């Protein structure tokens, strides 16, 4: 039984590594930062569209993989720019670049998260600050990503912003529930 579990673990780790390499081809935007989610079956980027919620999710996924250490000891994808980089350093780099992109390009002048951006971060669909399914969820995904990233880096500004975003989300949720908007 134990060897079956070890075999299953190794198989799942290989699948995770394959996914990270697949997503690195077109999902991780090494030129502009952040992550795109429109990929072909081979990992080629089909569109440069970026969503705040997806970048928040990317922060969480890459930070979580780093924190679990399930891919430690493996080499980072070659397209990351440094063929000798470790997978652990690659994972945290992608998480931080997704954070930086979401925070630099994903908010309007009032600090509300926009919904959709192009590759360079220009807003395509503006913020909908009182609408939970778009801007609200975007802020919640960024917040949960920032919390997981904080666990990796101990950067208190990440967790402070996450708390601020979650408090704002809870206030919006309560307001919308009272008004029966959700």
N, C-alpha and C. Protein backbone atom coordinates (compact mmCIF):
# COMPACT_ATOMS: atom_id res chain seq x y z
N UNK A 1 0.82 -1.19 0.00
CA UNK A 1 0.00 0.00 0.00
C UNK A 1 0.86 1.26 0.00
N UNK A 2 1.93 1.28 0.82
CA UNK A 2 2.81 2.44 0.90
C UNK A 2 3.47 2.78 -0.42
N UNK A 3 3.91 1.75 -1.14
CA UNK A 3 4.56 2.01 -2.42
C UNK A 3 3.56 2.54 -3.45
N UNK A 4 2.28 2.13 -3.34
CA UNK A 4 1.24 2.67 -4.22
C UNK A 4 1.06 4.17 -3.98
N UNK A 5 1.08 4.57 -2.71
CA UNK A 5 0.93 5.98 -2.38
C UNK A 5 2.13 6.79 -2.84
N UNK A 6 3.33 6.21 -2.70
CA UNK A 6 4.53 6.91 -3.18
C UNK A 6 4.48 7.06 -4.70
N UNK A 7 4.02 6.02 -5.37
CA UNK A 7 3.89 6.08 -6.83
C UNK A 7 2.86 7.11 -7.26
N UNK A 8 1.74 7.16 -6.54
CA UNK A 8 0.70 8.15 -6.84
C UNK A 8 1.22 9.56 -6.61
N UNK A 9 1.94 9.76 -5.50
CA UNK A 9 2.51 11.08 -5.20
C UNK A 9 3.47 11.50 -6.31
N UNK A 10 4.35 10.62 -6.72
CA UNK A 10 5.31 10.94 -7.78
C UNK A 10 4.58 11.27 -9.08
N UNK A 11 3.54 10.52 -9.39
CA UNK A 11 2.76 10.77 -10.60
C UNK A 11 2.09 12.14 -10.55
N UNK A 12 1.50 12.48 -9.41
CA UNK A 12 0.85 13.78 -9.25
C UNK A 12 1.87 14.92 -9.31
N UNK A 13 3.04 14.73 -8.74
CA UNK A 13 4.08 15.75 -8.82
C UNK A 13 4.51 15.96 -10.27
N UNK A 14 4.64 14.88 -11.02
CA UNK A 14 5.00 15.00 -12.44
C UNK A 14 3.91 15.74 -13.21
N UNK A 15 2.65 15.45 -12.89
CA UNK A 15 1.54 16.15 -13.54
C UNK A 15 1.55 17.64 -13.20
N UNK A 16 1.82 17.97 -11.95
CA UNK A 16 1.91 19.37 -11.54
C UNK A 16 3.04 20.08 -12.27
N UNK A 17 4.19 19.42 -12.34
CA UNK A 17 5.32 20.02 -13.05
C UNK A 17 4.98 20.22 -14.52
N UNK A 18 4.32 19.25 -15.13
CA UNK A 18 3.92 19.37 -16.54
C UNK A 18 2.96 20.55 -16.72
N UNK A 19 2.04 20.73 -15.77
CA UNK A 19 1.13 21.86 -15.85
C UNK A 19 1.88 23.19 -15.76
N UNK A 20 2.81 23.29 -14.82
CA UNK A 20 3.58 24.53 -14.65
C UNK A 20 4.34 24.84 -15.94
N UNK A 21 4.93 23.85 -16.55
CA UNK A 21 5.66 24.05 -17.80
C UNK A 21 4.71 24.42 -18.94
N UNK A 22 3.54 23.76 -18.98
CA UNK A 22 2.52 24.07 -19.99
C UNK A 22 2.08 25.53 -19.84
N UNK A 23 1.74 25.95 -18.63
CA UNK A 23 1.23 27.29 -18.41
C UNK A 23 2.31 28.35 -18.63
N UNK A 24 3.57 27.98 -18.42
CA UNK A 24 4.67 28.91 -18.64
C UNK A 24 4.77 29.32 -20.11
N UNK A 25 4.41 28.43 -21.02
CA UNK A 25 4.54 28.72 -22.46
C UNK A 25 3.74 29.93 -22.88
N UNK A 26 2.51 30.07 -22.44
CA UNK A 26 1.69 31.18 -22.90
C UNK A 26 0.91 31.89 -21.81
N UNK A 27 0.69 31.23 -20.70
CA UNK A 27 -0.10 31.82 -19.63
C UNK A 27 0.67 32.84 -18.82
N UNK A 28 1.92 32.55 -18.52
CA UNK A 28 2.76 33.49 -17.79
C UNK A 28 3.32 34.49 -18.80
N UNK A 29 3.01 35.77 -18.59
CA UNK A 29 3.48 36.80 -19.50
C UNK A 29 4.82 37.32 -19.00
N UNK A 30 5.89 36.76 -19.57
CA UNK A 30 7.25 37.13 -19.14
C UNK A 30 7.65 38.53 -19.61
N UNK A 31 6.95 39.04 -20.61
CA UNK A 31 7.29 40.35 -21.13
C UNK A 31 6.63 41.49 -20.33
N UNK A 32 5.32 41.38 -20.10
CA UNK A 32 4.57 42.47 -19.46
C UNK A 32 4.20 42.20 -18.02
N UNK A 33 4.35 40.97 -17.58
CA UNK A 33 3.93 40.60 -16.23
C UNK A 33 2.51 40.08 -16.22
N UNK A 34 2.15 39.48 -15.12
CA UNK A 34 0.80 38.95 -14.99
C UNK A 34 0.61 37.66 -15.77
N UNK A 35 -0.64 37.22 -15.82
CA UNK A 35 -0.98 35.95 -16.48
C UNK A 35 -2.20 36.10 -17.37
N UNK A 36 -2.16 35.44 -18.51
CA UNK A 36 -3.27 35.37 -19.45
C UNK A 36 -3.92 34.00 -19.30
N UNK A 37 -5.22 33.92 -19.55
CA UNK A 37 -5.87 32.62 -19.36
C UNK A 37 -6.39 32.00 -20.65
N UNK A 38 -6.25 32.62 -21.79
CA UNK A 38 -6.72 32.05 -23.05
C UNK A 38 -5.60 31.30 -23.75
N UNK A 39 -5.50 29.98 -23.51
CA UNK A 39 -4.43 29.17 -24.09
C UNK A 39 -4.99 28.05 -24.96
N UNK A 40 -4.21 27.65 -25.94
CA UNK A 40 -4.57 26.49 -26.75
C UNK A 40 -4.23 25.21 -25.99
N UNK A 41 -4.55 24.09 -26.56
CA UNK A 41 -4.26 22.79 -25.94
C UNK A 41 -2.76 22.54 -25.84
N UNK A 42 -1.96 23.28 -26.61
CA UNK A 42 -0.51 23.12 -26.56
C UNK A 42 0.16 24.18 -25.68
N UNK A 43 -0.64 25.08 -25.10
CA UNK A 43 -0.09 26.10 -24.22
C UNK A 43 0.23 27.41 -24.91
N UNK A 44 -0.10 27.52 -26.19
CA UNK A 44 0.15 28.78 -26.90
C UNK A 44 -0.94 29.79 -26.53
N UNK A 45 -0.54 31.04 -26.38
CA UNK A 45 -1.48 32.10 -26.00
C UNK A 45 -2.41 32.40 -27.17
N UNK A 46 -3.70 32.34 -26.91
CA UNK A 46 -4.71 32.65 -27.93
C UNK A 46 -5.14 34.11 -27.86
N UNK A 47 -5.05 34.68 -26.68
CA UNK A 47 -5.46 36.06 -26.48
C UNK A 47 -4.60 36.66 -25.38
N UNK A 48 -4.42 37.95 -25.45
CA UNK A 48 -3.65 38.63 -24.42
C UNK A 48 -4.50 39.15 -23.29
N UNK A 49 -5.78 38.80 -23.28
CA UNK A 49 -6.67 39.30 -22.24
C UNK A 49 -6.23 38.83 -20.86
N UNK A 50 -6.32 39.75 -19.93
CA UNK A 50 -5.99 39.44 -18.54
C UNK A 50 -7.13 39.91 -17.65
N UNK A 51 -7.46 39.10 -16.69
CA UNK A 51 -8.52 39.40 -15.75
C UNK A 51 -7.90 39.52 -14.35
N UNK A 52 -8.40 40.47 -13.58
CA UNK A 52 -7.87 40.64 -12.22
C UNK A 52 -8.07 39.37 -11.42
N UNK A 53 -9.26 38.76 -11.49
CA UNK A 53 -9.52 37.56 -10.70
C UNK A 53 -8.52 36.46 -11.06
N UNK A 54 -8.17 36.34 -12.35
CA UNK A 54 -7.27 35.28 -12.79
C UNK A 54 -5.85 35.54 -12.28
N UNK A 55 -5.45 36.80 -12.25
CA UNK A 55 -4.12 37.11 -11.71
C UNK A 55 -4.10 36.89 -10.21
N UNK A 56 -5.20 37.20 -9.52
CA UNK A 56 -5.30 36.88 -8.10
C UNK A 56 -5.20 35.38 -7.87
N UNK A 57 -5.86 34.62 -8.71
CA UNK A 57 -5.79 33.16 -8.60
C UNK A 57 -4.37 32.67 -8.89
N UNK A 58 -3.70 33.30 -9.83
CA UNK A 58 -2.32 32.92 -10.15
C UNK A 58 -1.38 33.20 -8.96
N UNK A 59 -1.59 34.33 -8.30
CA UNK A 59 -0.79 34.62 -7.11
C UNK A 59 -0.94 33.48 -6.11
N UNK A 60 -2.19 33.06 -5.89
CA UNK A 60 -2.46 32.00 -4.91
C UNK A 60 -1.85 30.67 -5.34
N UNK A 61 -2.09 30.26 -6.59
CA UNK A 61 -1.62 28.94 -7.05
C UNK A 61 -0.11 28.84 -6.97
N UNK A 62 0.59 29.82 -7.50
CA UNK A 62 2.05 29.75 -7.52
C UNK A 62 2.63 29.88 -6.11
N UNK A 63 2.03 30.74 -5.27
CA UNK A 63 2.48 30.83 -3.88
C UNK A 63 2.21 29.53 -3.14
N UNK A 64 1.05 28.94 -3.39
CA UNK A 64 0.70 27.69 -2.70
C UNK A 64 1.64 26.56 -3.10
N UNK A 65 1.93 26.45 -4.40
CA UNK A 65 2.87 25.42 -4.84
C UNK A 65 4.24 25.64 -4.19
N UNK A 66 4.65 26.89 -4.10
CA UNK A 66 5.92 27.21 -3.43
C UNK A 66 5.86 26.78 -1.98
N UNK A 67 4.79 27.18 -1.28
CA UNK A 67 4.69 26.93 0.15
C UNK A 67 4.60 25.44 0.47
N UNK A 68 3.96 24.67 -0.38
CA UNK A 68 3.87 23.23 -0.15
C UNK A 68 5.19 22.53 -0.45
N UNK A 69 6.00 23.12 -1.32
CA UNK A 69 7.29 22.53 -1.66
C UNK A 69 7.21 21.25 -2.47
N UNK A 70 6.06 20.99 -3.07
CA UNK A 70 5.88 19.71 -3.78
C UNK A 70 6.72 19.60 -5.06
N UNK A 71 7.22 20.74 -5.55
CA UNK A 71 8.06 20.71 -6.76
C UNK A 71 9.50 21.14 -6.47
N UNK A 72 9.84 21.26 -5.20
CA UNK A 72 11.21 21.68 -4.87
C UNK A 72 12.19 20.62 -5.36
N UNK A 73 13.35 21.07 -5.74
CA UNK A 73 14.35 20.16 -6.28
C UNK A 73 14.25 19.99 -7.79
N UNK A 74 13.23 20.57 -8.39
CA UNK A 74 13.07 20.47 -9.85
C UNK A 74 13.51 21.78 -10.49
N UNK A 75 13.91 21.69 -11.74
CA UNK A 75 14.35 22.89 -12.45
C UNK A 75 13.15 23.71 -12.91
N UNK A 76 13.34 25.02 -12.92
CA UNK A 76 12.31 25.93 -13.42
C UNK A 76 12.17 25.79 -14.93
N UNK A 77 11.02 26.17 -15.47
CA UNK A 77 10.88 26.17 -16.93
C UNK A 77 11.94 27.06 -17.58
N UNK A 78 12.50 26.62 -18.70
CA UNK A 78 13.58 27.37 -19.37
C UNK A 78 13.15 28.73 -19.86
N UNK A 79 11.88 28.89 -20.22
CA UNK A 79 11.46 30.18 -20.77
C UNK A 79 11.40 31.27 -19.71
N UNK A 80 11.65 30.95 -18.46
CA UNK A 80 11.64 31.96 -17.40
C UNK A 80 12.84 32.90 -17.50
N UNK A 81 13.77 32.65 -18.38
CA UNK A 81 14.90 33.54 -18.57
C UNK A 81 16.18 33.09 -17.90
N UNK A 82 16.10 32.17 -16.97
CA UNK A 82 17.28 31.68 -16.26
C UNK A 82 17.19 30.15 -16.16
N UNK A 83 17.83 29.45 -17.14
CA UNK A 83 17.72 27.99 -17.16
C UNK A 83 18.23 27.30 -15.89
N UNK A 84 19.04 27.96 -15.10
CA UNK A 84 19.56 27.35 -13.88
C UNK A 84 18.70 27.63 -12.65
N UNK A 85 17.61 28.38 -12.81
CA UNK A 85 16.76 28.74 -11.68
C UNK A 85 16.06 27.51 -11.11
N UNK A 86 15.85 27.55 -9.81
CA UNK A 86 15.11 26.45 -9.18
C UNK A 86 13.62 26.67 -9.38
N UNK A 87 12.88 25.60 -9.26
CA UNK A 87 11.43 25.69 -9.38
C UNK A 87 10.87 26.57 -8.26
N UNK A 88 11.41 26.47 -7.06
CA UNK A 88 10.92 27.28 -5.93
C UNK A 88 11.07 28.78 -6.22
N UNK A 89 12.22 29.19 -6.73
CA UNK A 89 12.42 30.61 -7.03
C UNK A 89 11.52 31.05 -8.19
N UNK A 90 11.33 30.16 -9.16
CA UNK A 90 10.44 30.45 -10.29
C UNK A 90 9.01 30.67 -9.80
N UNK A 91 8.52 29.77 -8.95
CA UNK A 91 7.13 29.86 -8.47
C UNK A 91 6.88 31.17 -7.75
N UNK A 92 7.79 31.56 -6.88
CA UNK A 92 7.58 32.80 -6.12
C UNK A 92 7.73 34.02 -7.03
N UNK A 93 8.59 33.93 -8.04
CA UNK A 93 8.74 35.02 -8.99
C UNK A 93 7.45 35.23 -9.78
N UNK A 94 6.85 34.15 -10.26
CA UNK A 94 5.59 34.27 -11.02
C UNK A 94 4.50 34.86 -10.12
N UNK A 95 4.42 34.40 -8.88
CA UNK A 95 3.41 34.92 -7.95
C UNK A 95 3.61 36.42 -7.72
N UNK A 96 4.84 36.84 -7.52
CA UNK A 96 5.11 38.26 -7.27
C UNK A 96 4.85 39.11 -8.51
N UNK A 97 5.17 38.58 -9.68
CA UNK A 97 4.90 39.33 -10.91
C UNK A 97 3.40 39.44 -11.19
N UNK A 98 2.63 38.40 -10.85
CA UNK A 98 1.17 38.47 -11.00
C UNK A 98 0.61 39.51 -10.01
N UNK A 99 1.15 39.51 -8.79
CA UNK A 99 0.74 40.51 -7.80
C UNK A 99 1.04 41.92 -8.31
N UNK A 100 2.27 42.12 -8.76
CA UNK A 100 2.67 43.45 -9.22
C UNK A 100 1.81 43.92 -10.39
N UNK A 101 1.51 43.01 -11.31
CA UNK A 101 0.67 43.38 -12.46
C UNK A 101 -0.74 43.74 -11.99
N UNK A 102 -1.34 42.91 -11.16
CA UNK A 102 -2.70 43.16 -10.69
C UNK A 102 -2.79 44.47 -9.91
N UNK A 103 -1.80 44.75 -9.09
CA UNK A 103 -1.84 45.96 -8.27
C UNK A 103 -1.47 47.20 -9.08
N UNK A 104 -0.59 47.07 -10.06
CA UNK A 104 -0.18 48.23 -10.86
C UNK A 104 -1.17 48.59 -11.96
N UNK A 105 -1.76 47.57 -12.58
CA UNK A 105 -2.62 47.81 -13.74
C UNK A 105 -4.08 47.48 -13.51
N UNK A 106 -4.37 46.73 -12.46
CA UNK A 106 -5.72 46.20 -12.28
C UNK A 106 -6.66 47.07 -11.47
N UNK A 107 -6.24 48.28 -11.12
CA UNK A 107 -7.12 49.16 -10.34
C UNK A 107 -7.30 50.49 -11.06
N UNK A 108 -8.49 51.06 -10.89
CA UNK A 108 -8.73 52.37 -11.47
C UNK A 108 -8.24 53.46 -10.51
N UNK A 109 -8.46 54.72 -10.87
CA UNK A 109 -7.97 55.85 -10.07
C UNK A 109 -8.54 55.86 -8.65
N UNK A 110 -9.71 55.23 -8.46
CA UNK A 110 -10.33 55.17 -7.13
C UNK A 110 -9.88 53.95 -6.34
N UNK A 111 -9.04 53.11 -6.94
CA UNK A 111 -8.55 51.92 -6.26
C UNK A 111 -9.43 50.69 -6.44
N UNK A 112 -10.50 50.81 -7.23
CA UNK A 112 -11.38 49.68 -7.49
C UNK A 112 -10.78 48.79 -8.58
N UNK A 113 -10.91 47.49 -8.40
CA UNK A 113 -10.34 46.56 -9.39
C UNK A 113 -11.18 46.56 -10.65
N UNK A 114 -10.48 46.74 -11.78
CA UNK A 114 -11.15 46.66 -13.07
C UNK A 114 -11.39 45.18 -13.37
N UNK A 115 -12.13 44.92 -14.42
CA UNK A 115 -12.53 43.55 -14.72
C UNK A 115 -11.57 42.90 -15.71
N UNK A 116 -11.24 43.61 -16.77
CA UNK A 116 -10.49 43.01 -17.87
C UNK A 116 -9.48 44.00 -18.42
N UNK A 117 -8.29 43.47 -18.77
CA UNK A 117 -7.20 44.30 -19.31
C UNK A 117 -6.61 43.64 -20.55
N UNK A 118 -5.87 44.42 -21.32
CA UNK A 118 -5.10 43.82 -22.40
C UNK A 118 -3.74 43.38 -21.85
N UNK A 119 -2.87 42.89 -22.73
CA UNK A 119 -1.56 42.37 -22.30
C UNK A 119 -0.74 43.37 -21.50
N UNK A 120 -0.81 44.63 -21.90
CA UNK A 120 0.00 45.66 -21.26
C UNK A 120 -0.65 46.24 -20.00
N UNK A 121 -1.89 45.87 -19.74
CA UNK A 121 -2.57 46.35 -18.54
C UNK A 121 -3.55 47.48 -18.78
N UNK A 122 -3.83 47.81 -20.04
CA UNK A 122 -4.81 48.85 -20.34
C UNK A 122 -6.21 48.28 -20.10
N UNK A 123 -7.02 49.03 -19.37
CA UNK A 123 -8.37 48.57 -19.04
C UNK A 123 -9.21 48.39 -20.30
N UNK A 124 -9.86 47.26 -20.39
CA UNK A 124 -10.82 47.00 -21.46
C UNK A 124 -12.23 47.05 -20.90
N UNK A 125 -12.42 46.44 -19.75
CA UNK A 125 -13.71 46.50 -19.05
C UNK A 125 -13.44 47.16 -17.69
N UNK A 126 -14.06 48.32 -17.46
CA UNK A 126 -13.76 49.07 -16.24
C UNK A 126 -14.26 48.38 -14.97
N UNK A 127 -13.90 48.97 -13.85
CA UNK A 127 -14.34 48.48 -12.55
C UNK A 127 -15.85 48.58 -12.43
N UNK A 128 -16.39 47.63 -11.72
CA UNK A 128 -17.80 47.65 -11.33
C UNK A 128 -17.80 47.52 -9.81
N UNK A 129 -17.47 48.63 -9.12
CA UNK A 129 -17.16 48.57 -7.69
C UNK A 129 -18.28 48.04 -6.80
N UNK A 130 -19.51 48.11 -7.22
CA UNK A 130 -20.61 47.63 -6.39
C UNK A 130 -21.21 46.33 -6.91
N UNK A 131 -20.46 45.64 -7.73
CA UNK A 131 -20.96 44.41 -8.34
C UNK A 131 -20.04 43.26 -7.95
N UNK A 132 -20.52 42.40 -7.08
CA UNK A 132 -19.69 41.33 -6.54
C UNK A 132 -19.15 40.38 -7.61
N UNK A 133 -19.96 39.91 -8.58
CA UNK A 133 -19.42 38.92 -9.53
C UNK A 133 -18.25 39.38 -10.40
N UNK A 134 -17.95 40.64 -10.46
CA UNK A 134 -16.82 41.08 -11.28
C UNK A 134 -15.74 41.71 -10.40
N UNK A 135 -15.84 42.98 -10.13
CA UNK A 135 -14.82 43.65 -9.34
C UNK A 135 -14.71 43.10 -7.92
N UNK A 136 -15.83 42.71 -7.33
CA UNK A 136 -15.81 42.16 -5.98
C UNK A 136 -15.03 40.87 -5.91
N UNK A 137 -15.32 39.94 -6.82
CA UNK A 137 -14.58 38.68 -6.82
C UNK A 137 -13.12 38.89 -7.18
N UNK A 138 -12.86 39.84 -8.09
CA UNK A 138 -11.47 40.14 -8.42
C UNK A 138 -10.69 40.53 -7.19
N UNK A 139 -11.27 41.40 -6.37
CA UNK A 139 -10.57 41.84 -5.16
C UNK A 139 -10.42 40.69 -4.18
N UNK A 140 -11.41 39.81 -4.09
CA UNK A 140 -11.33 38.67 -3.17
C UNK A 140 -10.25 37.68 -3.61
N UNK A 141 -10.15 37.42 -4.91
CA UNK A 141 -9.11 36.52 -5.42
C UNK A 141 -7.72 37.11 -5.19
N UNK A 142 -7.57 38.41 -5.40
CA UNK A 142 -6.28 39.05 -5.14
C UNK A 142 -5.95 38.94 -3.65
N UNK A 143 -6.94 39.18 -2.80
CA UNK A 143 -6.71 39.12 -1.35
C UNK A 143 -6.24 37.73 -0.92
N UNK A 144 -6.93 36.70 -1.39
CA UNK A 144 -6.50 35.36 -0.96
C UNK A 144 -5.12 35.01 -1.52
N UNK A 145 -4.80 35.50 -2.72
CA UNK A 145 -3.46 35.30 -3.26
C UNK A 145 -2.41 36.00 -2.43
N UNK A 146 -2.72 37.23 -2.00
CA UNK A 146 -1.77 37.99 -1.18
C UNK A 146 -1.52 37.32 0.16
N UNK A 147 -2.54 36.71 0.73
CA UNK A 147 -2.35 36.00 2.00
C UNK A 147 -1.41 34.82 1.82
N UNK A 148 -1.60 34.05 0.75
CA UNK A 148 -0.71 32.90 0.51
C UNK A 148 0.70 33.38 0.18
N UNK A 149 0.82 34.47 -0.56
CA UNK A 149 2.14 35.03 -0.87
C UNK A 149 2.83 35.50 0.41
N UNK A 150 2.08 36.10 1.31
CA UNK A 150 2.64 36.53 2.60
C UNK A 150 3.24 35.33 3.34
N UNK A 151 2.59 34.19 3.28
CA UNK A 151 3.12 32.99 3.94
C UNK A 151 4.49 32.61 3.39
N UNK A 152 4.74 32.96 2.11
CA UNK A 152 6.03 32.62 1.48
C UNK A 152 7.10 33.67 1.75
N UNK A 153 6.70 34.93 1.82
CA UNK A 153 7.68 36.01 1.84
C UNK A 153 7.72 36.81 3.14
N UNK A 154 6.68 36.72 3.95
CA UNK A 154 6.53 37.50 5.17
C UNK A 154 6.48 39.01 4.89
N UNK A 155 6.08 39.38 3.67
CA UNK A 155 5.94 40.78 3.29
C UNK A 155 4.63 41.30 3.90
N UNK A 156 4.74 42.08 4.96
CA UNK A 156 3.54 42.52 5.68
C UNK A 156 2.65 43.43 4.84
N UNK A 157 3.18 44.12 3.85
CA UNK A 157 2.32 44.97 3.02
C UNK A 157 1.33 44.11 2.22
N UNK A 158 1.72 42.88 1.88
CA UNK A 158 0.79 41.98 1.18
C UNK A 158 -0.39 41.60 2.07
N UNK A 159 -0.10 41.20 3.30
CA UNK A 159 -1.19 40.78 4.19
C UNK A 159 -2.02 41.99 4.63
N UNK A 160 -1.40 43.14 4.81
CA UNK A 160 -2.16 44.34 5.17
C UNK A 160 -3.16 44.70 4.07
N UNK A 161 -2.72 44.66 2.83
CA UNK A 161 -3.62 44.96 1.71
C UNK A 161 -4.71 43.88 1.60
N UNK A 162 -4.35 42.63 1.82
CA UNK A 162 -5.33 41.55 1.76
C UNK A 162 -6.44 41.78 2.77
N UNK A 163 -6.09 42.16 3.98
CA UNK A 163 -7.09 42.43 5.02
C UNK A 163 -7.98 43.59 4.62
N UNK A 164 -7.38 44.64 4.08
CA UNK A 164 -8.16 45.80 3.63
C UNK A 164 -9.15 45.39 2.53
N UNK A 165 -8.68 44.60 1.57
CA UNK A 165 -9.54 44.16 0.47
C UNK A 165 -10.67 43.26 0.96
N UNK A 166 -10.35 42.36 1.88
CA UNK A 166 -11.38 41.45 2.40
C UNK A 166 -12.42 42.20 3.22
N UNK A 167 -11.99 43.19 3.99
CA UNK A 167 -12.96 44.00 4.75
C UNK A 167 -13.90 44.74 3.81
N UNK A 168 -13.34 45.29 2.76
CA UNK A 168 -14.17 46.00 1.77
C UNK A 168 -15.14 45.02 1.10
N UNK A 169 -14.67 43.84 0.79
CA UNK A 169 -15.52 42.83 0.16
C UNK A 169 -16.66 42.42 1.10
N UNK A 170 -16.37 42.24 2.37
CA UNK A 170 -17.41 41.86 3.34
C UNK A 170 -18.44 42.98 3.46
N UNK A 171 -17.99 44.22 3.51
CA UNK A 171 -18.93 45.35 3.57
C UNK A 171 -19.83 45.36 2.33
N UNK A 172 -19.25 45.15 1.17
CA UNK A 172 -20.02 45.12 -0.07
C UNK A 172 -21.00 43.95 -0.06
N UNK A 173 -20.57 42.81 0.40
CA UNK A 173 -21.43 41.63 0.46
C UNK A 173 -22.63 41.87 1.37
N UNK A 174 -22.37 42.46 2.54
CA UNK A 174 -23.47 42.75 3.48
C UNK A 174 -24.44 43.73 2.87
N UNK A 175 -23.92 44.76 2.22
CA UNK A 175 -24.77 45.77 1.59
C UNK A 175 -25.62 45.13 0.51
N UNK A 176 -25.02 44.33 -0.34
CA UNK A 176 -25.75 43.71 -1.44
C UNK A 176 -26.77 42.70 -0.94
N UNK A 177 -26.45 42.00 0.13
CA UNK A 177 -27.38 41.03 0.70
C UNK A 177 -28.60 41.75 1.28
N UNK A 178 -28.36 42.86 1.98
CA UNK A 178 -29.48 43.62 2.54
C UNK A 178 -30.37 44.17 1.44
N UNK A 179 -29.75 44.55 0.31
CA UNK A 179 -30.53 45.10 -0.80
C UNK A 179 -31.02 44.00 -1.75
N UNK A 180 -30.70 42.76 -1.45
CA UNK A 180 -31.06 41.59 -2.25
C UNK A 180 -30.53 41.70 -3.68
N UNK A 181 -29.28 42.18 -3.80
CA UNK A 181 -28.64 42.31 -5.10
C UNK A 181 -27.88 41.05 -5.50
N UNK A 182 -27.69 40.15 -4.55
CA UNK A 182 -27.00 38.89 -4.86
C UNK A 182 -27.84 37.72 -4.45
